[in-house]
Amino acid sequence: MAGAVCRKVLVSGRVQGVFYRGWTCREAAELGVSGWVRNLRDGRVEALLCGPALAVDTLIARMHEGPGAARVEAVAVEDVPAGEENDLPRGFVQRPTV
């Protein structure tokens, strides 16, 4: 897909127990972004976002706010190559905590 990118995102703040992962899945589906989202044991949320650059960047911008109960303190973004290592699902999925 022309113009496609993959970005790993780490979100810090009050982002667990506030429907952040479910909200991310819904937003990703609306934008046509593929990938996954999961909680980390340290309290952050991690996501892999792949798709058209504009859609991925729009989702990242929305992730700075998150759902209403979230209090996002920081969003770190890293470009990553698309490939087997990222184990991309079809669509967007919520993964177990790691």
Protein backbone atom coordinates (compact mmCIF):
# COMPACT_ATOMS: atom_id res chain seq x y z
CA MET A 1 0.00 0.00 0.00
CA ALA A 2 1.54 3.29 -1.08
CA GLY A 3 2.16 5.73 1.74
CA ALA A 4 1.77 3.02 4.40
CA VAL A 5 3.69 3.33 7.66
CA CYS A 6 4.04 1.37 10.91
CA ARG A 7 4.60 3.13 14.20
CA LYS A 8 5.01 1.79 17.73
CA VAL A 9 3.37 4.02 20.34
CA LEU A 10 3.88 4.04 24.14
CA VAL A 11 1.30 6.00 26.13
CA SER A 12 1.96 7.01 29.74
CA GLY A 13 -0.33 8.42 32.40
CA ARG A 14 -3.66 7.19 33.70
CA VAL A 15 -4.30 4.91 30.73
CA GLN A 16 -5.18 1.57 32.31
CA GLY A 17 -8.59 0.79 33.75
CA VAL A 18 -10.18 3.62 31.73
CA PHE A 19 -11.17 1.73 28.53
CA TYR A 20 -8.09 3.05 26.68
CA ARG A 21 -7.47 -0.21 24.77
CA GLY A 22 -11.11 -0.63 23.73
CA TRP A 23 -11.26 3.01 22.71
CA THR A 24 -8.08 2.59 20.64
CA CYS A 25 -9.58 -0.44 18.85
CA ARG A 26 -12.70 1.54 17.98
CA GLU A 27 -10.74 4.57 16.76
CA ALA A 28 -8.39 2.37 14.69
CA ALA A 29 -11.31 0.59 13.03
CA GLU A 30 -12.91 3.93 12.18
CA LEU A 31 -9.68 5.13 10.56
CA GLY A 32 -8.78 1.86 8.81
CA VAL A 33 -5.60 1.35 10.85
CA SER A 34 -4.29 -2.20 11.41
CA GLY A 35 -2.29 -3.42 14.37
CA TRP A 36 -2.74 -4.08 18.06
CA VAL A 37 -2.88 -2.49 21.51
CA ARG A 38 -2.00 -3.93 24.94
CA ASN A 39 -1.36 -2.94 28.53
CA LEU A 40 2.17 -3.15 29.91
CA ARG A 41 2.77 -4.24 33.49
CA ASP A 42 4.45 -0.89 34.22
CA GLY A 43 1.14 0.97 33.70
CA ARG A 44 1.70 2.16 30.13
CA VAL A 45 -0.24 1.20 27.01
CA GLU A 46 1.68 0.00 23.93
CA ALA A 47 0.30 -0.06 20.40
CA LEU A 48 1.48 -0.96 16.91
CA LEU A 49 -0.29 1.13 14.27
CA CYS A 50 0.03 0.36 10.56
CA GLY A 51 -1.74 1.87 7.59
CA PRO A 52 -1.88 5.03 5.49
CA ALA A 53 0.34 7.70 7.05
CA LEU A 54 -2.52 10.19 7.43
CA ALA A 55 -4.73 7.65 9.24
CA VAL A 56 -1.91 6.53 11.56
CA ASP A 57 -0.97 10.13 12.38
CA THR A 58 -4.62 10.99 13.03
CA LEU A 59 -4.92 8.09 15.49
CA ILE A 60 -1.70 9.12 17.24
CA ALA A 61 -3.06 12.66 17.61
CA ARG A 62 -6.26 11.26 19.12
CA MET A 63 -4.23 9.04 21.49
CA HIS A 64 -2.85 12.19 23.14
CA GLU A 65 -6.36 12.67 24.59
CA GLY A 66 -7.76 9.13 24.74
CA PRO A 67 -11.15 8.29 26.22
CA GLY A 68 -12.76 10.67 28.71
CA ALA A 69 -11.44 9.04 31.90
CA ALA A 70 -7.84 8.83 30.64
CA ARG A 71 -5.17 11.31 31.68
CA VAL A 72 -2.42 11.05 29.09
CA GLU A 73 0.94 12.40 30.26
CA ALA A 74 3.18 11.37 27.35
CA VAL A 75 3.01 9.66 23.96
CA ALA A 76 6.27 8.28 22.53
CA VAL A 77 6.27 7.33 18.85
CA GLU A 78 8.82 5.23 16.98
CA ASP A 79 8.78 4.33 13.27
CA VAL A 80 9.16 0.58 12.78
CA PRO A 81 9.50 -1.50 9.62
CA ALA A 82 6.47 -3.53 8.64
CA GLY A 83 7.27 -7.20 8.60
CA GLU A 84 7.01 -10.58 10.24
CA GLU A 85 8.51 -9.32 13.50
CA ASN A 86 5.45 -7.12 14.03
CA ASP A 87 3.07 -10.08 13.54
CA LEU A 88 0.31 -7.91 12.09
CA PRO A 89 -3.26 -9.14 12.42
CA ARG A 90 -6.00 -8.32 9.94
CA GLY A 91 -7.73 -5.28 11.32
CA PHE A 92 -6.98 -4.11 14.83
CA VAL A 93 -6.92 -6.29 17.97
CA GLN A 94 -6.54 -5.97 21.72
CA ARG A 95 -3.75 -8.19 23.04
CA PRO A 96 -3.15 -9.51 26.57
CA THR A 97 -1.04 -7.57 29.08
CA VAL A 98 2.71 -8.18 28.96
